[in-house]
Amino acid sequence: MKVFQYSNTGNRETNQDYVLSKDFGQGISLYLVADGIGGYEHGEIASKIVAEEFANGLAKGLSLKDTTKAASESLKQGKYNLGVLKMGT
């Protein structure tokens, strides 16, 4: 299968989207787009954190609920590390 990706910055100076495609083997793949929240800080970082945490959690066999919880915790940690109040995707 060929995978193509496209993202547009819109009216923003930086692109806050993160596009992830991961093949887990045995015909299982993940295609995910995370879009940074407008008006929040570091949307591009938030998008990458969440997308990669989803890929890692699912690769480890975690449930969707547990993967979502882990992604949320990673995002909170990233927000803390950067010292910002609002960061999301």
C-alpha atoms as a PDB file:
ATOM      1  CA  MET A   1       0.000   0.000   0.000  1.00  0.00           C
ATOM      2  CA  LYS A   2       1.214   3.500  -0.790  1.00  0.00           C
ATOM      3  CA  VAL A   3       0.567   6.176   1.799  1.00  0.00           C
ATOM      4  CA  PHE A   4       0.535   9.873   0.988  1.00  0.00           C
ATOM      5  CA  GLN A   5       0.231  12.664   3.475  1.00  0.00           C
ATOM      6  CA  TYR A   6      -0.564  16.325   3.150  1.00  0.00           C
ATOM      7  CA  SER A   7      -0.992  19.029   5.738  1.00  0.00           C
ATOM      8  CA  ASN A   8      -1.603  22.735   5.350  1.00  0.00           C
ATOM      9  CA  THR A   9      -0.601  25.494   7.761  1.00  0.00           C
ATOM     10  CA  GLY A  10      -3.676  27.559   6.932  1.00  0.00           C
ATOM     11  CA  ASN A  11      -3.213  31.076   8.285  1.00  0.00           C
ATOM     12  CA  ARG A  12      -0.574  30.066  10.824  1.00  0.00           C
ATOM     13  CA  GLU A  13       3.164  30.648  10.582  1.00  0.00           C
ATOM     14  CA  THR A  14       3.976  27.100  11.699  1.00  0.00           C
ATOM     15  CA  ASN A  15       2.276  23.818  10.971  1.00  0.00           C
ATOM     16  CA  GLN A  16       0.927  22.315  14.185  1.00  0.00           C
ATOM     17  CA  ASP A  17      -0.196  19.087  12.533  1.00  0.00           C
ATOM     18  CA  TYR A  18       1.601  15.800  13.047  1.00  0.00           C
ATOM     19  CA  VAL A  19       0.949  12.950  10.631  1.00  0.00           C
ATOM     20  CA  LEU A  20       1.909   9.438  11.651  1.00  0.00           C
ATOM     21  CA  SER A  21       1.691   6.197   9.721  1.00  0.00           C
ATOM     22  CA  LYS A  22       2.965   3.047  11.361  1.00  0.00           C
ATOM     23  CA  ASP A  23       2.910  -0.529  10.144  1.00  0.00           C
ATOM     24  CA  PHE A  24       2.671  -3.021  13.003  1.00  0.00           C
ATOM     25  CA  GLY A  25       2.944  -6.037  10.706  1.00  0.00           C
ATOM     26  CA  GLN A  26       0.392  -8.800  10.087  1.00  0.00           C
ATOM     27  CA  GLY A  27      -1.722  -6.358   8.068  1.00  0.00           C
ATOM     28  CA  ILE A  28      -2.213  -3.957  10.977  1.00  0.00           C
ATOM     29  CA  SER A  29      -1.413  -0.282  10.462  1.00  0.00           C
ATOM     30  CA  LEU A  30      -2.112   2.991  12.209  1.00  0.00           C
ATOM     31  CA  TYR A  31      -2.770   6.241  10.346  1.00  0.00           C
ATOM     32  CA  LEU A  32      -3.199   9.205  12.637  1.00  0.00           C
ATOM     33  CA  VAL A  33      -3.398  12.977  12.234  1.00  0.00           C
ATOM     34  CA  ALA A  34      -3.024  15.153  15.315  1.00  0.00           C
ATOM     35  CA  ASP A  35      -3.886  18.834  14.902  1.00  0.00           C
ATOM     36  CA  GLY A  36      -2.588  21.387  17.404  1.00  0.00           C
ATOM     37  CA  ILE A  37      -5.254  23.500  19.085  1.00  0.00           C
ATOM     38  CA  GLY A  38      -5.334  27.050  17.752  1.00  0.00           C
ATOM     39  CA  GLY A  39      -4.538  29.686  20.349  1.00  0.00           C
ATOM     40  CA  TYR A  40      -2.632  27.206  22.503  1.00  0.00           C
ATOM     41  CA  GLU A  41       1.141  27.109  22.743  1.00  0.00           C
ATOM     42  CA  HIS A  42       3.388  24.502  21.126  1.00  0.00           C
ATOM     43  CA  GLY A  43       0.662  22.699  19.202  1.00  0.00           C
ATOM     44  CA  GLU A  44       3.266  21.036  17.005  1.00  0.00           C
ATOM     45  CA  ILE A  45       4.914  19.506  20.082  1.00  0.00           C
ATOM     46  CA  ALA A  46       1.586  18.463  21.593  1.00  0.00           C
ATOM     47  CA  SER A  47       0.580  16.788  18.338  1.00  0.00           C
ATOM     48  CA  LYS A  48       3.828  14.834  18.131  1.00  0.00           C
ATOM     49  CA  ILE A  49       3.676  13.749  21.784  1.00  0.00           C
ATOM     50  CA  VAL A  50       0.120  12.439  21.493  1.00  0.00           C
ATOM     51  CA  ALA A  51       0.556  10.736  18.110  1.00  0.00           C
ATOM     52  CA  GLU A  52       3.731   8.950  19.146  1.00  0.00           C
ATOM     53  CA  GLU A  53       2.257   7.921  22.494  1.00  0.00           C
ATOM     54  CA  PHE A  54      -0.704   6.379  20.673  1.00  0.00           C
ATOM     55  CA  ALA A  55       1.613   4.437  18.387  1.00  0.00           C
ATOM     56  CA  ASN A  56       3.732   3.248  21.320  1.00  0.00           C
ATOM     57  CA  GLY A  57       0.746   2.262  23.447  1.00  0.00           C
ATOM     58  CA  LEU A  58      -0.940   0.316  20.685  1.00  0.00           C
ATOM     59  CA  ALA A  59       2.363  -1.372  19.778  1.00  0.00           C
ATOM     60  CA  LYS A  60       2.613  -2.540  23.398  1.00  0.00           C
ATOM     61  CA  GLY A  61      -0.886  -4.024  23.159  1.00  0.00           C
ATOM     62  CA  LEU A  62      -2.517  -1.502  25.493  1.00  0.00           C
ATOM     63  CA  SER A  63      -6.231  -0.904  25.182  1.00  0.00           C
ATOM     64  CA  LEU A  64      -7.442   2.253  23.479  1.00  0.00           C
ATOM     65  CA  LYS A  65      -8.578   3.543  26.872  1.00  0.00           C
ATOM     66  CA  ASP A  66      -5.155   2.958  28.462  1.00  0.00           C
ATOM     67  CA  THR A  67      -3.371   4.375  25.417  1.00  0.00           C
ATOM     68  CA  THR A  68      -5.497   7.523  25.608  1.00  0.00           C
ATOM     69  CA  LYS A  69      -4.745   7.844  29.317  1.00  0.00           C
ATOM     70  CA  ALA A  70      -0.995   7.460  28.662  1.00  0.00           C
ATOM     71  CA  ALA A  71      -1.118  10.052  25.871  1.00  0.00           C
ATOM     72  CA  SER A  72      -2.899  12.477  28.181  1.00  0.00           C
ATOM     73  CA  GLU A  73      -0.287  11.972  30.895  1.00  0.00           C
ATOM     74  CA  SER A  74       2.548  12.475  28.407  1.00  0.00           C
ATOM     75  CA  LEU A  75       0.918  15.678  27.216  1.00  0.00           C
ATOM     76  CA  LYS A  76       0.614  16.933  30.804  1.00  0.00           C
ATOM     77  CA  GLN A  77       4.295  16.142  31.362  1.00  0.00           C
ATOM     78  CA  GLY A  78       5.263  17.933  28.145  1.00  0.00           C
ATOM     79  CA  LYS A  79       3.252  20.973  29.213  1.00  0.00           C
ATOM     80  CA  TYR A  80       4.982  20.963  32.584  1.00  0.00           C
ATOM     81  CA  ASN A  81       8.441  20.560  31.017  1.00  0.00           C
ATOM     82  CA  LEU A  82       7.846  23.548  28.731  1.00  0.00           C
ATOM     83  CA  GLY A  83       6.296  25.636  31.508  1.00  0.00           C
ATOM     84  CA  VAL A  84       3.120  26.491  29.588  1.00  0.00           C
ATOM     85  CA  LEU A  85      -0.489  26.635  30.731  1.00  0.00           C
ATOM     86  CA  LYS A  86      -2.216  25.673  27.496  1.00  0.00           C
ATOM     87  CA  MET A  87      -0.901  23.032  25.118  1.00  0.00           C
ATOM     88  CA  GLY A  88      -3.139  20.653  23.269  1.00  0.00           C
ATOM     89  CA  THR A  89      -4.027  18.740  20.150  1.00  0.00           C
END
